[in-house]
């Protein structure tokens, strides 16, 4: 049997790895996430945890009471995520225009739905608010350098 033609990793492979990494451009460090006004207290994390507990409890309980727990869990966890998205968007950390614009779009679509409008009107109203909100929020976002 002959020797293997490829090199094995070891002491000789470190200089090659260093040369390969020198060819790649260095990544810019990401800016630190903006702190919440209640910074030392983990309000968002606790809201997500309580929301998840409510979701699981609602699934286990079932029935009408379970449905109420499910909706409460989804609402609480969604509000925690929305708060984080708002804070990151308006401080220039990360763009979340579509996510933030979805809230008023859902509210408008819900109002139009409960006014007994045809389904096409619900979609058009919600879509128009989503599109307008996304465009406006993209203009507001200024990346932090």
Protein backbone atom coordinates (compact mmCIF):
# COMPACT_ATOMS: atom_id res chain seq x y z
CA UNK A 1 0.00 0.00 0.00
CA UNK A 2 1.21 3.48 -0.87
CA UNK A 3 1.24 6.65 1.15
CA UNK A 4 -1.77 8.92 1.16
CA UNK A 5 -1.49 11.86 -1.18
CA UNK A 6 -3.29 14.41 0.92
CA UNK A 7 -1.78 16.15 3.91
CA UNK A 8 -2.99 15.46 7.38
CA UNK A 9 -3.97 18.29 9.72
CA UNK A 10 -1.43 19.03 12.39
CA UNK A 11 1.31 21.47 13.21
CA UNK A 12 1.90 22.23 9.52
CA UNK A 13 -1.69 23.32 8.87
CA UNK A 14 -1.73 26.35 11.19
CA UNK A 15 0.23 28.68 8.89
CA UNK A 16 -1.99 27.76 5.95
CA UNK A 17 -5.11 28.56 7.98
CA UNK A 18 -3.63 31.90 9.07
CA UNK A 19 -2.81 32.80 5.46
CA UNK A 20 -6.32 31.89 4.32
CA UNK A 21 -7.92 34.02 7.04
CA UNK A 22 -5.67 36.96 6.14
CA UNK A 23 -7.13 36.95 2.61
CA UNK A 24 -10.71 37.41 3.90
CA UNK A 25 -11.90 40.89 4.88
CA UNK A 26 -12.43 41.38 8.59
CA UNK A 27 -16.04 41.61 9.73
CA UNK A 28 -17.19 44.81 11.28
CA UNK A 29 -18.33 44.31 14.86
CA UNK A 30 -22.08 44.63 15.29
CA UNK A 31 -23.15 47.46 17.53
CA UNK A 32 -24.55 46.46 20.90
CA UNK A 33 -28.32 46.13 21.11
CA UNK A 34 -30.14 49.10 22.62
CA UNK A 35 -31.02 48.69 26.27
CA UNK A 36 -34.58 48.89 27.48
CA UNK A 37 -35.54 51.69 29.88
CA UNK A 38 -36.01 49.03 32.59
CA UNK A 39 -32.61 47.50 31.71
CA UNK A 40 -31.54 45.44 34.69
CA UNK A 41 -35.03 43.94 35.02
CA UNK A 42 -35.68 41.24 32.36
CA UNK A 43 -39.24 42.33 31.51
CA UNK A 44 -39.25 41.11 27.89
CA UNK A 45 -37.81 37.72 28.81
CA UNK A 46 -40.33 37.28 31.62
CA UNK A 47 -43.18 38.25 29.30
CA UNK A 48 -42.10 35.61 26.79
CA UNK A 49 -41.76 33.01 29.55
CA UNK A 50 -45.21 33.77 30.98
CA UNK A 51 -46.66 33.77 27.46
CA UNK A 52 -45.18 30.32 26.78
CA UNK A 53 -46.50 29.01 30.10
CA UNK A 54 -49.97 30.32 29.22
CA UNK A 55 -49.77 28.67 25.79
CA UNK A 56 -48.86 25.29 27.24
CA UNK A 57 -51.47 25.63 29.98
CA UNK A 58 -54.11 26.52 27.39
CA UNK A 59 -53.22 23.49 25.28
CA UNK A 60 -53.44 21.19 28.29
CA UNK A 61 -56.64 22.68 29.65
CA UNK A 62 -58.57 22.76 26.38
CA UNK A 63 -62.11 24.03 25.91
CA UNK A 64 -63.19 27.64 26.14
CA UNK A 65 -60.92 28.38 29.12
CA UNK A 66 -57.98 26.92 27.22
CA UNK A 67 -58.73 29.11 24.23
CA UNK A 68 -58.63 32.21 26.44
CA UNK A 69 -55.27 31.10 27.86
CA UNK A 70 -53.93 30.46 24.35
CA UNK A 71 -54.94 33.92 23.14
CA UNK A 72 -53.48 35.56 26.26
CA UNK A 73 -50.21 33.65 25.84
CA UNK A 74 -49.92 34.58 22.17
CA UNK A 75 -50.71 38.23 22.90
CA UNK A 76 -48.19 38.49 25.74
CA UNK A 77 -45.36 36.82 23.83
CA UNK A 78 -46.15 38.85 20.70
CA UNK A 79 -46.08 42.13 22.64
CA UNK A 80 -42.66 41.24 24.03
CA UNK A 81 -41.34 40.62 20.53
CA UNK A 82 -42.96 43.78 19.21
CA UNK A 83 -41.35 45.86 21.96
CA UNK A 84 -37.93 44.52 21.05
CA UNK A 85 -38.53 45.15 17.34
CA UNK A 86 -39.67 48.74 18.02
CA UNK A 87 -36.66 49.48 20.19
CA UNK A 88 -34.20 48.01 17.68
CA UNK A 89 -35.83 49.72 14.70
CA UNK A 90 -36.06 53.23 16.11
CA UNK A 91 -32.52 53.18 17.57
CA UNK A 92 -31.06 52.09 14.22
CA UNK A 93 -29.86 48.67 15.35
CA UNK A 94 -31.85 46.51 12.92
CA UNK A 95 -34.65 47.22 10.43
CA UNK A 96 -38.00 45.71 11.39
CA UNK A 97 -40.30 47.80 9.17
CA UNK A 98 -42.47 44.95 7.88
CA UNK A 99 -42.93 43.42 11.33
CA UNK A 100 -43.92 46.73 12.91
CA UNK A 101 -46.24 47.66 10.02
CA UNK A 102 -48.06 44.34 10.40
CA UNK A 103 -49.66 45.42 13.70
CA UNK A 104 -51.74 48.33 12.34
CA UNK A 105 -52.48 46.29 9.20
CA UNK A 106 -53.93 43.46 11.31
CA UNK A 107 -55.93 45.93 13.39
CA UNK A 108 -57.40 47.62 10.30
CA UNK A 109 -58.18 44.27 8.68
CA UNK A 110 -59.92 43.19 11.90
CA UNK A 111 -62.03 46.35 12.04
CA UNK A 112 -63.02 45.99 8.38
CA UNK A 113 -63.85 42.31 8.95
CA UNK A 114 -66.13 43.10 11.91
CA UNK A 115 -67.92 45.73 9.80
CA UNK A 116 -69.11 42.82 7.62
CA UNK A 117 -67.17 43.97 4.58
CA UNK A 118 -66.47 41.49 1.78
CA UNK A 119 -63.25 39.47 2.16
CA UNK A 120 -61.64 41.32 -0.75
CA UNK A 121 -62.09 44.63 1.12
CA UNK A 122 -60.44 43.14 4.20
CA UNK A 123 -57.42 42.05 2.17
CA UNK A 124 -57.18 45.36 0.30
CA UNK A 125 -57.48 47.47 3.46
CA UNK A 126 -54.96 45.39 5.39
CA UNK A 127 -52.58 45.24 2.44
CA UNK A 128 -52.73 48.98 1.87
CA UNK A 129 -51.93 49.73 5.51
CA UNK A 130 -49.13 47.14 5.48
CA UNK A 131 -47.58 48.59 2.32
CA UNK A 132 -47.89 52.21 3.46
CA UNK A 133 -46.58 51.45 6.92
CA UNK A 134 -43.61 49.48 5.59
CA UNK A 135 -42.60 52.27 3.20
CA UNK A 136 -42.92 54.90 5.95
CA UNK A 137 -40.99 52.85 8.50
CA UNK A 138 -38.19 52.13 6.02
CA UNK A 139 -37.76 55.86 5.54
CA UNK A 140 -37.58 56.38 9.30
CA UNK A 141 -34.89 53.72 9.83
CA UNK A 142 -31.37 55.09 9.85
CA UNK A 143 -28.64 52.51 10.39
CA UNK A 144 -26.38 53.22 13.33
CA UNK A 145 -22.73 53.22 12.28
